Amino acid sequence: MYIFLLLLTSLVFATGWDIRSVRESTYSRDNTYCQFGPQRIEFQIRSDASHTDHNDKKYGTYIFFYPNELPKLLPLNSDKMHSYRFFHGNSSLCSKSLGYSVGKDKIAVLFLKENRPNMDKLSFQIMNTTTFEPENIIDTEYMSDLTEIAYGGFVFRTHDQRNGLEMGKTKIKDLEYLFQDRDFPYWVKYSEKGFNISALSSFQNFPWKGYFKDVKDFFAYSGWDRKEKKFKNSTLYVAVNHALKKECILLSPGKIKITEAETGWRCN
């Protein structure tokens, strides 16, 4: 599932003097406060650059947290090889970014790793809400832009990276359409058990949900495999006739040559 886990402990990897030096020589890019029981802890992203362009203003190399007056560096990005920003959104646990409970005394603080020109990739730091210390780092290859709370954790929207863009003209029931391939968005759940595709969330949030009678119809057309827990028909084509204001979708196991003989389109 394009995941690699970096299991790091909260051992101090810099001295107090090093942390002060880094903090004094860097610039704040963004901050958020997360609730740990009765205590609120600040997280702050900092950068070496004093000035950045608009697209870079929320990204930084160093991620600080403040369990008390003395700042600490998160183990996330300890190699300083990447740039991160907060995963912004509404959360009951964090003020400006997303944080979710993922088990007893555990909270996941969500970040996005810079991945331009593509969508940023999901990363998160597991924090212990009793000791206020970082535990596991989970750095994924999932591109993501939306999340929701779920039982025991959270779900997030992702899609597989496309290679190239396919587009053209075709006829559907003797009417001319313009078509192109599009991202097939699906939702993945994270909990203490790990990552699994959430078929139900994928249906409930599918942009073309109206093309299906119900969830069973969606599962059948998208080739949902309950055993392997994956969608087998995850190549999506969208065709549009602008004059008639009609749109059609087609799901297939992979890229296909679109011809006028194709009968699998669903149209609204």
Protein backbone atom coordinates (compact mmCIF):
# COMPACT_ATOMS: atom_id res chain seq x y z
CA MET A 1 0.00 0.00 0.00
CA TYR A 2 3.02 2.28 -0.58
CA ILE A 3 3.67 2.63 3.14
CA PHE A 4 6.85 2.58 5.08
CA LEU A 5 6.92 3.02 8.83
CA LEU A 6 9.79 4.65 10.66
CA LEU A 7 9.61 3.40 14.22
CA LEU A 8 11.52 5.91 16.28
CA THR A 9 11.47 6.50 20.01
CA SER A 10 11.51 9.84 21.77
CA LEU A 11 15.23 9.67 22.60
CA VAL A 12 16.74 13.14 22.53
CA PHE A 13 18.65 13.60 19.29
CA ALA A 14 19.89 17.11 20.03
CA THR A 15 21.15 18.82 23.14
CA GLY A 16 19.26 21.65 24.78
CA TRP A 17 21.88 24.09 23.44
CA ASP A 18 21.44 22.73 19.88
CA ILE A 19 17.67 23.15 20.12
CA ARG A 20 17.99 26.72 21.34
CA SER A 21 20.46 27.46 18.58
CA VAL A 22 18.17 26.00 15.91
CA ARG A 23 15.16 27.87 17.24
CA GLU A 24 17.00 31.19 17.38
CA SER A 25 18.38 30.80 13.85
CA THR A 26 15.11 29.75 12.16
CA TYR A 27 11.80 31.43 11.34
CA SER A 28 8.27 30.43 12.29
CA ARG A 29 6.07 29.29 9.40
CA ASP A 30 2.96 28.03 11.20
CA ASN A 31 1.74 26.78 14.56
CA THR A 32 -1.13 24.90 16.16
CA TYR A 33 -2.22 23.89 19.66
CA CYS A 34 -3.34 20.34 20.44
CA GLN A 35 -5.23 19.20 23.51
CA PHE A 36 -3.61 16.54 25.71
CA GLY A 37 -6.22 16.00 28.42
CA PRO A 38 -6.24 19.21 30.49
CA GLN A 39 -3.05 20.49 28.83
CA ARG A 40 -2.61 22.27 25.52
CA ILE A 41 0.69 21.76 23.71
CA GLU A 42 1.95 23.99 20.93
CA PHE A 43 3.45 22.56 17.73
CA GLN A 44 5.43 24.90 15.51
CA ILE A 45 6.96 24.55 12.05
CA ARG A 46 10.12 26.56 11.44
CA SER A 47 12.31 27.18 8.40
CA ASP A 48 15.86 28.31 7.69
CA ALA A 49 14.58 30.84 5.17
CA SER A 50 13.50 34.26 6.40
CA HIS A 51 11.44 34.94 3.28
CA THR A 52 9.58 32.53 1.00
CA ASP A 53 7.15 32.78 -1.88
CA HIS A 54 3.43 32.32 -1.32
CA ASN A 55 3.43 28.59 -2.08
CA ASP A 56 6.17 27.88 0.48
CA LYS A 57 5.03 30.01 3.39
CA LYS A 58 3.52 27.14 5.45
CA TYR A 59 6.36 24.65 4.88
CA GLY A 60 9.37 24.14 7.12
CA THR A 61 12.18 21.73 7.94
CA TYR A 62 12.04 21.83 11.74
CA ILE A 63 9.02 20.80 13.81
CA PHE A 64 9.05 21.94 17.44
CA PHE A 65 6.66 21.10 20.24
CA TYR A 66 6.37 22.70 23.65
CA PRO A 67 5.35 20.32 26.46
CA ASN A 68 6.51 23.10 28.83
CA GLU A 69 8.55 26.27 28.48
CA LEU A 70 11.46 24.32 26.98
CA PRO A 71 10.95 23.43 23.30
CA LYS A 72 11.75 20.02 21.84
CA LEU A 73 12.20 18.83 18.27
CA LEU A 74 9.91 16.13 16.93
CA PRO A 75 11.66 13.04 15.54
CA LEU A 76 9.65 13.54 12.33
CA ASN A 77 12.08 14.76 9.66
CA SER A 78 15.10 14.27 11.91
CA ASP A 79 17.23 13.76 8.77
CA LYS A 80 16.16 17.23 7.51
CA MET A 81 15.60 15.77 4.04
CA HIS A 82 12.02 16.97 3.54
CA SER A 83 9.72 19.92 4.05
CA TYR A 84 6.43 19.66 5.97
CA ARG A 85 3.31 21.67 6.69
CA PHE A 86 0.36 21.09 8.99
CA PHE A 87 -2.64 19.21 7.63
CA HIS A 88 -5.08 22.07 8.14
CA GLY A 89 -8.72 21.43 9.00
CA ASN A 90 -11.29 21.43 11.79
CA SER A 91 -10.42 19.13 14.68
CA SER A 92 -11.63 18.82 18.24
CA LEU A 93 -8.06 18.06 19.35
CA CYS A 94 -6.05 20.75 17.56
CA SER A 95 -6.72 24.44 16.99
CA LYS A 96 -5.70 24.98 13.35
CA SER A 97 -4.73 21.53 12.13
CA LEU A 98 -5.89 17.93 12.33
CA GLY A 99 -5.30 15.59 15.22
CA TYR A 100 -7.12 12.34 16.03
CA SER A 101 -7.23 9.88 18.91
CA VAL A 102 -5.90 6.53 17.70
CA GLY A 103 -6.10 4.44 20.88
CA LYS A 104 -5.73 4.79 24.60
CA ASP A 105 -3.39 7.66 25.47
CA LYS A 106 -2.45 8.15 21.80
CA ILE A 107 -3.02 11.05 19.42
CA ALA A 108 -1.96 11.35 15.78
CA VAL A 109 -0.86 14.86 14.80
CA LEU A 110 -1.16 15.12 11.01
CA PHE A 111 1.32 16.70 8.61
CA LEU A 112 1.72 16.89 4.83
CA LYS A 113 5.10 16.26 3.21
CA GLU A 114 5.92 18.47 0.23
CA ASN A 115 5.46 16.50 -3.01
CA ARG A 116 5.07 19.09 -5.75
CA PRO A 117 3.99 19.13 -8.53
CA ASN A 118 1.75 16.33 -7.21
CA MET A 119 -0.46 16.33 -4.12
CA ASP A 120 1.40 16.33 -0.79
CA LYS A 121 1.86 13.03 1.07
CA LEU A 122 0.39 12.19 4.46
CA SER A 123 2.67 11.86 7.48
CA PHE A 124 1.82 11.85 11.15
CA GLN A 125 3.45 11.75 14.54
CA ILE A 126 1.97 9.54 17.24
CA MET A 127 2.12 11.34 20.58
CA ASN A 128 1.59 9.90 24.05
CA THR A 129 -1.03 12.02 25.81
CA THR A 130 0.18 10.95 29.27
CA THR A 131 3.92 11.52 28.93
CA PHE A 132 3.60 14.27 26.25
CA GLU A 133 6.37 12.51 24.33
CA PRO A 134 6.52 11.49 20.64
CA GLU A 135 6.33 7.79 19.82
CA ASN A 136 6.00 6.28 16.33
CA ILE A 137 6.53 8.27 13.14
CA ILE A 138 4.30 7.15 10.28
CA ASP A 139 5.55 8.53 6.98
CA THR A 140 3.38 7.30 4.09
CA GLU A 141 3.34 7.38 0.31
CA TYR A 142 -0.37 8.23 0.33
CA MET A 143 -1.17 11.55 -1.35
CA SER A 144 -3.99 13.19 0.60
CA ASP A 145 -6.07 16.33 0.91
CA LEU A 146 -9.08 15.45 3.09
CA THR A 147 -9.66 13.51 6.31
CA GLU A 148 -12.56 12.64 8.62
CA ILE A 149 -12.80 11.17 12.09
CA ALA A 150 -13.62 7.46 12.27
CA TYR A 151 -14.10 4.92 15.03
CA GLY A 152 -10.70 4.17 16.57
CA GLY A 153 -8.85 6.56 14.27
CA PHE A 154 -9.49 8.48 11.07
CA VAL A 155 -10.05 8.09 7.32
CA PHE A 156 -8.39 10.10 4.58
CA ARG A 157 -8.90 10.60 0.86
CA THR A 158 -6.19 9.51 -1.55
CA HIS A 159 -5.66 8.33 -5.11
CA ASP A 160 -2.95 6.49 -7.02
CA GLN A 161 -0.64 8.59 -9.12
CA ARG A 162 -1.53 8.71 -12.82
CA ASN A 163 1.09 8.49 -15.55
CA GLY A 164 0.12 10.83 -18.34
CA LEU A 165 -3.28 12.18 -19.33
CA GLU A 166 -5.55 10.44 -21.79
CA MET A 167 -8.25 12.38 -23.59
CA GLY A 168 -10.18 12.32 -26.85
CA LYS A 169 -13.56 12.09 -28.55
CA THR A 170 -16.02 9.22 -28.67
CA LYS A 171 -19.68 8.49 -29.30
CA ILE A 172 -22.04 7.18 -26.64
CA LYS A 173 -25.44 6.11 -27.96
CA ASP A 174 -24.72 8.01 -31.19
CA LEU A 175 -23.97 11.26 -29.35
CA GLU A 176 -20.53 12.87 -29.43
CA TYR A 177 -18.63 13.27 -26.15
CA LEU A 178 -15.25 14.54 -25.05
CA PHE A 179 -13.58 12.19 -22.57
CA GLN A 180 -10.51 12.10 -20.34
CA ASP A 181 -9.18 9.88 -17.59
CA ARG A 182 -9.54 11.19 -14.05
CA ASP A 183 -8.30 10.37 -10.55
CA PHE A 184 -10.24 7.58 -8.84
CA PRO A 185 -10.50 8.87 -5.24
CA TYR A 186 -10.78 6.34 -2.44
CA TRP A 187 -10.64 6.56 1.32
CA VAL A 188 -8.28 4.72 3.67
CA LYS A 189 -8.73 4.18 7.40
CA TYR A 190 -5.92 4.32 9.93
CA SER A 191 -6.27 2.84 13.42
CA GLU A 192 -4.03 0.90 15.79
CA LYS A 193 -4.56 -2.07 13.45
CA GLY A 194 -2.90 -0.20 10.60
CA PHE A 195 -4.18 0.92 7.18
CA ASN A 196 -7.18 -0.48 5.28
CA ILE A 197 -9.23 0.88 2.40
CA SER A 198 -12.63 2.00 3.69
CA ALA A 199 -15.03 0.88 0.97
CA LEU A 200 -18.05 2.51 2.63
CA SER A 201 -16.34 5.90 3.06
CA SER A 202 -15.15 5.67 -0.55
CA PHE A 203 -18.75 5.28 -1.71
CA GLN A 204 -20.19 7.92 0.61
CA ASN A 205 -17.66 10.52 -0.58
CA PHE A 206 -17.42 9.48 -4.23
CA PRO A 207 -17.89 12.58 -6.45
CA TRP A 208 -20.01 10.53 -8.89
CA LYS A 209 -22.06 8.79 -6.22
CA GLY A 210 -25.28 9.73 -8.04
CA TYR A 211 -24.48 7.29 -10.84
CA PHE A 212 -25.19 4.31 -8.57
CA LYS A 213 -28.41 2.87 -7.17
CA ASP A 214 -26.83 2.07 -3.82
CA VAL A 215 -23.59 0.95 -2.20
CA LYS A 216 -23.95 -2.60 -3.58
CA ASP A 217 -24.20 -1.20 -7.11
CA PHE A 218 -21.06 0.87 -6.50
CA PHE A 219 -19.15 -2.14 -5.16
CA ALA A 220 -20.14 -4.23 -8.19
CA TYR A 221 -19.23 -1.58 -10.77
CA SER A 222 -15.95 -0.61 -9.07
CA GLY A 223 -14.91 -4.24 -8.61
CA TRP A 224 -14.61 -4.07 -4.83
CA ASP A 225 -12.80 -7.23 -3.65
CA ARG A 226 -13.82 -7.93 -0.05
CA LYS A 227 -11.06 -10.48 0.44
CA GLU A 228 -8.18 -8.39 -0.92
CA LYS A 229 -9.83 -5.15 0.25
CA LYS A 230 -9.16 -3.22 -2.94
CA PHE A 231 -11.00 -1.73 -5.91
CA LYS A 232 -10.14 -3.67 -9.06
CA ASN A 233 -11.84 -1.20 -11.45
CA SER A 234 -10.01 1.95 -10.40
CA THR A 235 -9.30 3.53 -13.79
CA LEU A 236 -11.88 6.27 -14.24
CA TYR A 237 -12.96 7.94 -17.47
CA VAL A 238 -15.35 10.90 -17.59
CA ALA A 239 -17.11 11.92 -20.82
CA VAL A 240 -19.00 15.18 -21.29
CA ASN A 241 -21.38 16.54 -23.91
CA HIS A 242 -21.46 20.23 -23.07
CA ALA A 243 -24.25 21.12 -25.49
CA LEU A 244 -26.64 18.60 -23.95
CA LYS A 245 -25.20 19.05 -20.45
CA LYS A 246 -24.76 15.30 -20.15
CA GLU A 247 -21.95 13.47 -18.37
CA CYS A 248 -20.97 9.79 -18.34
CA ILE A 249 -18.46 7.77 -16.35
CA LEU A 250 -16.66 4.51 -17.07
CA LEU A 251 -14.65 2.35 -14.65
CA SER A 252 -12.18 -0.25 -15.88
CA PRO A 253 -9.32 -2.39 -14.45
CA GLY A 254 -6.74 -0.33 -16.36
CA LYS A 255 -6.17 2.00 -19.29
CA ILE A 256 -8.19 0.96 -22.35
CA LYS A 257 -8.59 2.23 -25.89
CA ILE A 258 -11.88 4.13 -25.86
CA THR A 259 -13.95 3.26 -28.91
CA GLU A 260 -17.54 3.88 -29.97
CA ALA A 261 -18.23 0.20 -29.30
CA GLU A 262 -17.72 0.64 -25.55
CA THR A 263 -21.02 -0.08 -23.76
CA GLY A 264 -20.02 0.22 -20.12
CA TRP A 265 -20.69 3.96 -19.75
CA ARG A 266 -23.08 5.22 -17.08
CA CYS A 267 -24.70 8.53 -17.98
CA ASN A 268 -26.69 11.24 -16.23
